[in-house]
Amino acid sequence: MSRKHPIISITGSSGAGTTSVKKTFEQIFFREKVNAVYIEGDAFHRYDRAEMRVRMAQEAERGNKHFSHFSPDTNLFEELERAFRDYGETGTATTRHYVHDAEESALHGAAPGTFTEWKQLPENSDLLFYEGLHGAVVTDRVNVARYADLKIGVVPVINLEWIQKLHRDRSARGYSTEAVTDTILRRMPDYIHYICPQFTDTDINFQRVPTVDTSNPFIARWIPTPDESMVVIRFKNPRGIDFPYLLSMLPHSWMSRANSIVCPGAKLDLAMQLILTPLIMQLIERKRNLK
C-alpha cells in the first residue's frame, strides 16, 4: 500500500457488473477532479482469443475439462502484482489493452481478440484504478491484494450471475444455452479457488440479490431488474462508517448485521457515491498532504 501513489481495485466475477461500477467511479473522479489511470484485468490474460481456444482444445484432449480464464495458468499474475507494486513505488507501471471488438480495434489499432503492445502508464496521476477478475488475488506465489489501498468486491448471488451470463452470451455472442452451461461447469473449480476467496480480502462488497424467483437460472426469460433486487453492502472494517447517515440517505434501507447494510437495488449507484466518495478523497488528501 502506498500513501503517495494509492491504488483502488475493483474485483468482480464475470458478468457481475464491474463495468457499470467503473462508470460510477469515473463520475466521482470527474466531479472531484481526480486524475486516475486505469488497468484492465483482461490485459493480464496469458493468451489472446485464438490462443485460448487452442489451449482449451489441447487441455480437453488431455482430460482437463476445467481450463478457464480464472486460473493462474491462464493469467499473468506475477506481472499484475508487479504492476501494482511498481505503481505504488513509482507512480507508473506497465500495462496493455485487450481488444474486445471492432470499435476497440479502430481505437487501438489491433485486431479484435488480441493485445496491444505493453506501455507505461502516464505519470503524475492521482491514483491507479483496476477493474477485473483478480484485483485481490492471493496464491502461493503472488499477493496482489496487499498492494491495493481500497479493495471493492462486486458480485451477484450465483444464480443471478448465471442468468446474466446466459443472457449476455446468448444475445451478444450467439452461444446456445448448452454451450454457456458447459462454460459455467468448466469454470467452476477455478471460480471456487481463485474468485470467491478474493471477496474475503476486499474492504467493501456490493452483492446484488434478486427478490424474484431465480431457482432455475437456465430457463429464466429475463434478468431481474434493479427494482426486483436488493443490494447487500458489507464492510470488512465498519469502524468509522456513519451508518445512521447512510440509512437516512438510502430510503428503505436497513442494517442486517453490525457491518452490513441492505438497500434497494435501484439505489446501488447512490450508495456507491455516498460510501466511496469520502474514501476516495481520504486517499487523495493523504497523498496531497505528503507534498
Protein backbone atom coordinates (compact mmCIF):
# COMPACT_ATOMS: atom_id res chain seq x y z
CA MET A 1 0.00 0.00 0.00
CA SER A 2 1.22 3.47 -0.83
CA ARG A 3 0.23 6.85 0.57
CA LYS A 4 1.92 8.65 -2.30
CA HIS A 5 0.51 6.51 -5.12
CA PRO A 6 -2.80 4.94 -3.98
CA ILE A 7 -4.46 2.03 -5.78
CA ILE A 8 -8.18 1.25 -5.97
CA SER A 9 -9.05 -2.29 -7.03
CA ILE A 10 -12.49 -3.40 -8.24
CA THR A 11 -12.85 -7.16 -8.33
CA GLY A 12 -15.89 -8.88 -9.76
CA SER A 13 -16.83 -12.23 -11.16
CA SER A 14 -17.53 -12.46 -14.89
CA GLY A 15 -20.69 -10.53 -15.73
CA ALA A 16 -21.03 -9.11 -12.22
CA GLY A 17 -21.44 -5.54 -13.43
CA THR A 18 -17.96 -4.18 -12.71
CA THR A 19 -18.11 -2.11 -15.90
CA SER A 20 -21.09 -0.13 -14.60
CA VAL A 21 -19.29 0.25 -11.27
CA LYS A 22 -16.31 1.64 -13.17
CA LYS A 23 -18.60 4.28 -14.67
CA THR A 24 -19.68 5.27 -11.15
CA PHE A 25 -16.04 5.73 -10.18
CA GLU A 26 -15.40 7.75 -13.33
CA GLN A 27 -18.25 10.07 -12.33
CA ILE A 28 -16.70 10.53 -8.90
CA PHE A 29 -13.24 11.14 -10.41
CA PHE A 30 -14.70 13.73 -12.80
CA ARG A 31 -16.69 15.52 -10.13
CA GLU A 32 -13.83 15.59 -7.61
CA LYS A 33 -11.16 16.36 -10.25
CA VAL A 34 -9.20 13.18 -9.57
CA ASN A 35 -6.68 12.25 -12.28
CA ALA A 36 -6.87 8.45 -12.44
CA VAL A 37 -5.02 5.97 -14.65
CA TYR A 38 -6.54 2.59 -15.46
CA ILE A 39 -5.54 -1.06 -15.62
CA GLU A 40 -7.95 -3.58 -17.15
CA GLY A 41 -7.91 -7.07 -15.73
CA ASP A 42 -8.20 -8.84 -19.08
CA ALA A 43 -5.00 -7.11 -20.23
CA PHE A 44 -3.23 -9.64 -18.00
CA HIS A 45 -4.71 -12.76 -19.56
CA ARG A 46 -1.92 -15.06 -20.70
CA TYR A 47 -3.45 -15.92 -24.08
CA ASP A 48 -5.30 -13.97 -26.74
CA ARG A 49 -8.67 -15.22 -28.04
CA ALA A 50 -7.29 -17.57 -30.70
CA GLU A 51 -4.54 -18.94 -28.45
CA MET A 52 -7.05 -19.58 -25.67
CA ARG A 53 -9.24 -21.66 -27.98
CA VAL A 54 -6.25 -23.76 -28.99
CA ARG A 55 -5.15 -24.26 -25.39
CA MET A 56 -8.67 -25.18 -24.31
CA ALA A 57 -8.84 -27.83 -27.03
CA GLN A 58 -5.43 -29.18 -26.06
CA GLU A 59 -6.36 -29.34 -22.38
CA ALA A 60 -9.66 -31.04 -23.19
CA GLU A 61 -7.78 -33.71 -25.13
CA ARG A 62 -5.62 -34.29 -22.05
CA GLY A 63 -8.77 -34.76 -19.96
CA ASN A 64 -8.69 -31.33 -18.29
CA LYS A 65 -12.27 -30.09 -18.52
CA HIS A 66 -11.74 -27.14 -16.18
CA PHE A 67 -9.34 -24.89 -18.10
CA SER A 68 -10.61 -21.33 -17.63
CA HIS A 69 -9.76 -17.61 -17.59
CA PHE A 70 -9.92 -17.63 -13.79
CA SER A 71 -6.76 -19.59 -13.01
CA PRO A 72 -3.02 -18.82 -12.65
CA ASP A 73 -2.36 -20.96 -15.73
CA THR A 74 -4.23 -18.53 -17.97
CA ASN A 75 -3.26 -15.23 -16.35
CA LEU A 76 -0.09 -13.24 -15.77
CA PHE A 77 -0.50 -12.89 -12.00
CA GLU A 78 3.19 -12.10 -11.45
CA GLU A 79 3.04 -9.27 -13.98
CA LEU A 80 -0.16 -7.92 -12.42
CA GLU A 81 1.41 -7.98 -8.97
CA ARG A 82 4.47 -6.20 -10.39
CA ALA A 83 2.26 -3.52 -11.96
CA PHE A 84 0.58 -2.84 -8.61
CA ARG A 85 3.91 -2.80 -6.78
CA ASP A 86 5.57 -0.56 -9.37
CA TYR A 87 2.73 1.95 -9.30
CA GLY A 88 2.79 2.09 -5.51
CA GLU A 89 6.54 2.72 -5.56
CA THR A 90 6.93 5.00 -8.59
CA GLY A 91 3.51 6.26 -9.70
CA THR A 92 3.63 4.39 -13.01
CA ALA A 93 3.51 0.81 -14.28
CA THR A 94 3.45 -1.28 -17.45
CA THR A 95 0.15 -2.49 -18.89
CA ARG A 96 -1.63 -3.13 -22.18
CA HIS A 97 -5.17 -3.43 -23.59
CA TYR A 98 -7.15 -6.45 -24.64
CA VAL A 99 -9.12 -5.55 -27.79
CA HIS A 100 -12.67 -6.87 -27.45
CA ASP A 101 -14.39 -5.80 -30.68
CA ALA A 102 -14.19 -3.77 -33.91
CA GLU A 103 -14.80 -0.48 -32.11
CA GLU A 104 -11.84 -1.04 -29.79
CA SER A 105 -9.83 -2.32 -32.76
CA ALA A 106 -10.23 1.02 -34.51
CA LEU A 107 -9.22 2.82 -31.31
CA HIS A 108 -6.12 0.76 -30.51
CA GLY A 109 -5.01 -0.39 -33.96
CA ALA A 110 -5.01 -4.10 -33.13
CA ALA A 111 -7.26 -6.93 -34.25
CA PRO A 112 -10.22 -7.98 -32.06
CA GLY A 113 -9.23 -10.72 -29.66
CA THR A 114 -5.59 -9.63 -29.44
CA PHE A 115 -3.49 -7.46 -27.14
CA THR A 116 -1.84 -4.12 -27.75
CA GLU A 117 1.86 -3.65 -27.01
CA TRP A 118 2.96 -3.17 -23.41
CA LYS A 119 3.26 0.52 -22.47
CA GLN A 120 3.98 2.66 -19.44
CA LEU A 121 1.05 4.37 -17.76
CA PRO A 122 1.10 8.18 -17.84
CA GLU A 123 2.96 9.77 -14.96
CA ASN A 124 1.71 12.39 -12.47
CA SER A 125 -1.62 10.65 -11.84
CA ASP A 126 -3.54 10.85 -8.55
CA LEU A 127 -4.31 7.14 -8.29
CA LEU A 128 -4.47 3.83 -10.13
CA PHE A 129 -7.83 2.19 -10.80
CA TYR A 130 -8.01 -1.56 -11.55
CA GLU A 131 -11.15 -3.34 -12.73
CA GLY A 132 -11.18 -7.06 -13.45
CA LEU A 133 -11.27 -10.59 -12.09
CA HIS A 134 -8.14 -10.64 -9.93
CA GLY A 135 -7.70 -7.33 -8.13
CA ALA A 136 -7.38 -9.04 -4.76
CA VAL A 137 -5.98 -12.41 -5.79
CA VAL A 138 -3.66 -14.28 -3.43
CA THR A 139 -1.89 -17.53 -4.32
CA ASP A 140 1.15 -19.35 -3.01
CA ARG A 141 3.26 -17.26 -5.43
CA VAL A 142 1.65 -13.80 -5.57
CA ASN A 143 -0.28 -11.43 -3.33
CA VAL A 144 -1.92 -8.72 -5.40
CA ALA A 145 -4.30 -7.76 -2.57
CA ARG A 146 -1.58 -6.36 -0.31
CA TYR A 147 -0.75 -3.55 -2.77
CA ALA A 148 -4.27 -2.10 -3.09
CA ASP A 149 -5.34 0.69 -0.73
CA LEU A 150 -9.07 0.25 -1.33
CA LYS A 151 -10.46 -3.09 -2.49
CA ILE A 152 -14.07 -3.29 -3.67
CA GLY A 153 -15.88 -6.53 -4.46
CA VAL A 154 -18.84 -6.56 -6.84
CA VAL A 155 -20.66 -9.87 -7.10
CA PRO A 156 -24.25 -11.04 -7.58
CA VAL A 157 -25.55 -14.18 -5.90
CA ILE A 158 -24.58 -17.09 -8.07
CA ASN A 159 -27.97 -17.85 -9.69
CA LEU A 160 -28.24 -14.21 -10.74
CA GLU A 161 -24.69 -14.30 -12.07
CA TRP A 162 -25.55 -17.34 -14.16
CA ILE A 163 -28.69 -15.66 -15.52
CA GLN A 164 -26.66 -12.61 -16.53
CA LYS A 165 -24.04 -14.75 -18.24
CA LEU A 166 -26.62 -16.86 -20.05
CA HIS A 167 -28.43 -13.81 -21.41
CA ARG A 168 -25.25 -11.95 -22.37
CA ASP A 169 -23.58 -14.89 -24.12
CA ARG A 170 -26.71 -15.92 -25.99
CA SER A 171 -27.67 -12.43 -27.14
CA ALA A 172 -24.25 -10.83 -27.72
CA ARG A 173 -22.18 -13.86 -28.70
CA GLY A 174 -24.75 -16.20 -30.23
CA TYR A 175 -23.99 -19.12 -27.91
CA SER A 176 -26.55 -21.81 -27.12
CA THR A 177 -27.76 -22.45 -23.58
CA GLU A 178 -25.88 -25.74 -23.63
CA ALA A 179 -22.61 -24.05 -24.63
CA VAL A 180 -22.92 -21.45 -21.85
CA THR A 181 -23.76 -24.19 -19.35
CA ASP A 182 -20.59 -26.05 -20.37
CA THR A 183 -18.59 -22.85 -19.82
CA ILE A 184 -20.07 -22.40 -16.33
CA LEU A 185 -19.24 -26.01 -15.41
CA ARG A 186 -15.72 -25.71 -16.85
CA ARG A 187 -15.00 -22.59 -14.82
CA MET A 188 -16.47 -23.75 -11.51
CA PRO A 189 -13.34 -25.19 -9.82
CA ASP A 190 -11.29 -22.08 -10.64
CA TYR A 191 -14.20 -19.86 -9.59
CA ILE A 192 -14.25 -21.54 -6.19
CA HIS A 193 -10.46 -21.47 -5.72
CA TYR A 194 -9.47 -18.09 -7.23
CA ILE A 195 -12.53 -15.81 -7.45
CA CYS A 196 -14.56 -16.43 -4.28
CA PRO A 197 -11.62 -16.10 -1.82
CA GLN A 198 -10.93 -12.56 -3.01
CA PHE A 199 -14.18 -11.31 -1.53
CA THR A 200 -12.87 -12.14 1.93
CA ASP A 201 -9.97 -9.71 1.42
CA THR A 202 -11.99 -6.86 -0.10
CA ASP A 203 -12.74 -3.83 2.09
CA ILE A 204 -16.32 -3.41 0.85
CA ASN A 205 -18.54 -5.84 -1.04
CA PHE A 206 -21.62 -4.94 -3.05
CA GLN A 207 -23.73 -8.06 -3.65
CA ARG A 208 -26.95 -7.91 -5.67
CA VAL A 209 -29.66 -10.29 -4.53
CA PRO A 210 -32.83 -10.80 -6.64
CA THR A 211 -36.22 -10.72 -4.94
CA VAL A 212 -37.87 -12.75 -7.70
CA ASP A 213 -37.64 -16.47 -8.38
CA THR A 214 -34.28 -17.41 -9.88
CA SER A 215 -34.34 -21.04 -8.72
CA ASN A 216 -33.68 -22.32 -12.25
CA PRO A 217 -31.40 -19.76 -13.93
CA PHE A 218 -31.16 -21.83 -17.11
CA ILE A 219 -34.79 -21.17 -18.08
CA ALA A 220 -35.09 -17.57 -16.82
CA ARG A 221 -36.54 -15.38 -19.56
CA TRP A 222 -35.40 -12.04 -18.10
CA ILE A 223 -32.58 -10.73 -15.95
CA PRO A 224 -34.04 -9.41 -12.68
CA THR A 225 -34.09 -5.62 -12.79
CA PRO A 226 -32.62 -3.36 -10.10
CA ASP A 227 -36.16 -2.74 -8.84
CA GLU A 228 -36.50 -6.51 -8.42
CA SER A 229 -33.29 -6.73 -6.39
CA MET A 230 -31.72 -5.71 -3.12
CA VAL A 231 -28.04 -4.91 -2.57
CA VAL A 232 -26.15 -6.21 0.44
CA ILE A 233 -23.23 -3.90 1.30
CA ARG A 234 -20.70 -5.45 3.64
CA PHE A 235 -17.83 -3.53 5.28
CA LYS A 236 -14.81 -5.56 6.33
CA ASN A 237 -13.97 -2.94 8.96
CA PRO A 238 -17.08 -0.93 9.90
CA ARG A 239 -15.18 1.39 12.23
CA GLY A 240 -15.65 4.99 11.12
CA ILE A 241 -18.59 4.25 8.80
CA ASP A 242 -21.52 6.61 9.51
CA PHE A 243 -24.31 4.05 9.33
CA PRO A 244 -27.10 6.38 10.57
CA TYR A 245 -26.24 8.84 7.78
CA LEU A 246 -26.22 6.12 5.12
CA LEU A 247 -29.54 4.72 6.34
CA SER A 248 -31.09 8.20 6.24
CA MET A 249 -29.83 8.83 2.71
CA LEU A 250 -30.82 5.43 1.29
CA PRO A 251 -34.63 5.10 1.54
CA HIS A 252 -35.95 1.70 2.67
CA SER A 253 -32.50 0.50 3.72
CA TRP A 254 -31.66 -1.31 6.93
CA MET A 255 -28.78 -2.97 8.75
CA SER A 256 -28.82 -6.76 8.57
CA ARG A 257 -25.65 -7.15 10.62
CA ALA A 258 -23.31 -4.85 12.51
CA ASN A 259 -21.18 -4.47 9.38
CA SER A 260 -23.84 -4.79 6.64
CA ILE A 261 -26.47 -2.57 5.04
CA VAL A 262 -29.25 -3.75 2.73
CA CYS A 263 -30.70 -1.23 0.28
CA PRO A 264 -32.98 -1.35 -2.80
CA GLY A 265 -31.19 -2.41 -5.98
CA ALA A 266 -32.11 0.81 -7.75
CA LYS A 267 -30.11 2.73 -5.14
CA LEU A 268 -26.81 0.97 -5.88
CA ASP A 269 -25.30 3.94 -7.72
CA LEU A 270 -26.33 6.36 -4.96
CA ALA A 271 -24.99 4.01 -2.29
CA MET A 272 -21.65 3.82 -4.07
CA GLN A 273 -21.48 7.58 -4.46
CA LEU A 274 -22.21 8.12 -0.75
CA ILE A 275 -19.85 5.42 0.51
CA LEU A 276 -16.95 5.66 -1.90
CA THR A 277 -16.58 9.42 -2.47
CA PRO A 278 -15.26 10.13 1.06
CA LEU A 279 -12.99 7.08 0.95
CA ILE A 280 -11.50 8.18 -2.37
CA MET A 281 -10.99 11.70 -1.09
CA GLN A 282 -9.26 10.35 2.01
CA LEU A 283 -6.73 8.65 -0.25
CA ILE A 284 -6.25 11.83 -2.28
CA GLU A 285 -5.91 14.08 0.76
CA ARG A 286 -3.44 11.67 2.34
CA LYS A 287 -1.42 11.76 -0.90
CA ARG A 288 -1.52 15.56 -1.18
CA ASN A 289 -0.51 16.03 2.46
CA LEU A 290 2.80 14.33 1.66
CA LYS A 291 3.77 17.06 -0.80
